[in-house]
Protein backbone atom coordinates (compact mmCIF):
# COMPACT_ATOMS: atom_id res chain seq x y z
CA UNK A 1 157.67 82.82 107.29
CA UNK A 2 161.07 81.26 107.83
CA UNK A 3 163.61 81.85 105.09
CA UNK A 4 164.18 78.78 102.89
CA UNK A 5 167.89 78.90 102.07
CA UNK A 6 167.82 75.84 99.78
CA UNK A 7 166.38 77.92 96.91
CA UNK A 8 169.02 78.55 94.25
CA UNK A 9 169.80 82.25 93.72
CA UNK A 10 167.66 83.26 96.70
CA UNK A 11 167.04 87.01 96.94
CA UNK A 12 165.36 88.37 100.04
CA UNK A 13 163.21 91.46 99.61
CA UNK A 14 164.26 94.15 102.05
CA UNK A 15 167.80 92.77 102.38
CA UNK A 16 169.62 96.03 101.78
CA UNK A 17 171.95 98.39 103.57
CA UNK A 18 170.01 100.82 105.75
CA UNK A 19 172.45 103.63 104.89
CA UNK A 20 173.25 103.39 101.16
CA UNK A 21 170.49 100.96 100.04
CA UNK A 22 172.86 98.48 98.33
CA UNK A 23 170.88 95.26 98.03
CA UNK A 24 171.81 91.59 97.92
CA UNK A 25 175.36 92.12 99.16
CA UNK A 26 176.86 90.85 102.41
CA UNK A 27 175.40 92.81 105.32
CA UNK A 28 176.30 92.99 108.99
CA UNK A 29 174.14 93.90 111.98
CA UNK A 30 174.78 94.96 115.53
CA UNK A 31 175.28 92.04 117.88
CA UNK A 32 172.94 91.75 120.90
CA UNK A 33 170.63 94.63 119.93
CA UNK A 34 166.82 94.61 119.96
CA UNK A 35 165.23 94.08 116.55
CA UNK A 36 163.54 97.49 116.74
CA UNK A 37 166.99 99.11 116.96
CA UNK A 38 168.64 96.85 114.40
CA UNK A 39 170.38 98.27 111.32
CA UNK A 40 171.80 96.30 108.42
CA UNK A 41 175.03 97.74 107.05
CA UNK A 42 177.20 96.92 104.04
CA UNK A 43 180.94 96.51 104.61
CA UNK A 44 181.73 100.13 103.75
CA UNK A 45 179.03 101.69 105.93
CA UNK A 46 179.85 99.31 108.80
CA UNK A 47 183.52 100.31 108.50
CA UNK A 48 182.62 104.00 108.67
CA UNK A 49 180.48 103.38 111.75
CA UNK A 50 183.23 101.39 113.48
CA UNK A 51 186.04 103.60 112.13
CA UNK A 52 187.97 100.64 110.77
CA UNK A 53 189.86 100.15 107.49
CA UNK A 54 188.41 97.51 105.17
CA UNK A 55 190.23 98.54 102.00
CA UNK A 56 192.05 95.17 101.86
CA UNK A 57 188.92 93.06 102.32
CA UNK A 58 187.88 91.05 99.27
CA UNK A 59 185.18 88.44 98.76
CA UNK A 60 187.77 85.72 99.44
CA UNK A 61 188.77 86.97 102.91
CA UNK A 62 185.58 88.43 104.41
CA UNK A 63 185.55 88.48 108.22
CA UNK A 64 182.42 87.21 109.92
CA UNK A 65 182.98 89.56 112.87
CA UNK A 66 183.74 93.22 112.43
CA UNK A 67 185.93 94.48 115.24
CA UNK A 68 186.39 96.13 117.65
CA UNK A 69 184.78 93.80 120.16
CA UNK A 70 182.77 91.62 117.78
CA UNK A 71 180.28 94.46 117.67
CA UNK A 72 178.89 93.53 114.25
CA UNK A 73 177.98 90.07 112.96
CA UNK A 74 176.60 88.84 109.62
CA UNK A 75 172.94 89.72 109.10
CA UNK A 76 171.45 86.33 108.20
CA UNK A 77 167.64 86.67 108.11
CA UNK A 78 165.53 84.15 110.01
CA UNK A 79 162.00 85.33 109.24
CA UNK A 80 160.52 87.54 106.52
CA UNK A 81 156.96 88.86 106.37
CA UNK A 82 155.64 91.00 103.52
CA UNK A 83 159.08 92.04 102.24
CA UNK A 84 160.21 92.94 105.74
CA UNK A 85 162.81 91.04 107.74
CA UNK A 86 161.34 90.26 111.16
CA UNK A 87 164.27 88.52 112.80
CA UNK A 88 167.88 87.40 112.33
CA UNK A 89 169.64 84.23 113.32
CA UNK A 90 171.84 84.51 116.38
CA UNK A 91 175.44 84.13 115.26
CA UNK A 92 175.86 80.75 116.99
CA UNK A 93 172.58 79.41 115.56
CA UNK A 94 172.88 80.15 111.83
CA UNK A 95 172.24 76.90 109.93
CA UNK A 96 174.86 75.76 107.44
CA UNK A 97 172.52 76.62 104.53
CA UNK A 98 172.24 80.17 105.91
CA UNK A 99 176.04 80.51 105.98
CA UNK A 100 176.30 79.18 102.42
CA UNK A 101 173.71 81.78 101.30
CA UNK A 102 175.53 84.66 103.08
CA UNK A 103 178.95 83.49 101.84
CA UNK A 104 177.62 83.43 98.25
CA UNK A 105 176.62 87.11 98.32
CA UNK A 106 179.04 89.62 96.80
CA UNK A 107 180.95 91.84 99.19
CA UNK A 108 180.18 95.11 97.41
């Protein structure tokens, strides 16, 4: 089932960091990786993986790409089936409602 982003206060079951299990916060995923190898990471776990400093990042200045090399992009779910995310929007294809949903999530 495609995610309906128009629902106010939308929470997506299974939308949690694959390392620390924080849920309903902004998550990033690896860019151009098969779904079977995909991992969703919160800002702090993504920073550890990429070895970057995100101490100055706040909800008002969240980057959509995590460098180096635009390796990680926002994890905006496309399809969910039985509390499991089956697919993510490609970065260039995220609908405006999907961006509004992701932008509304807390950073941490």
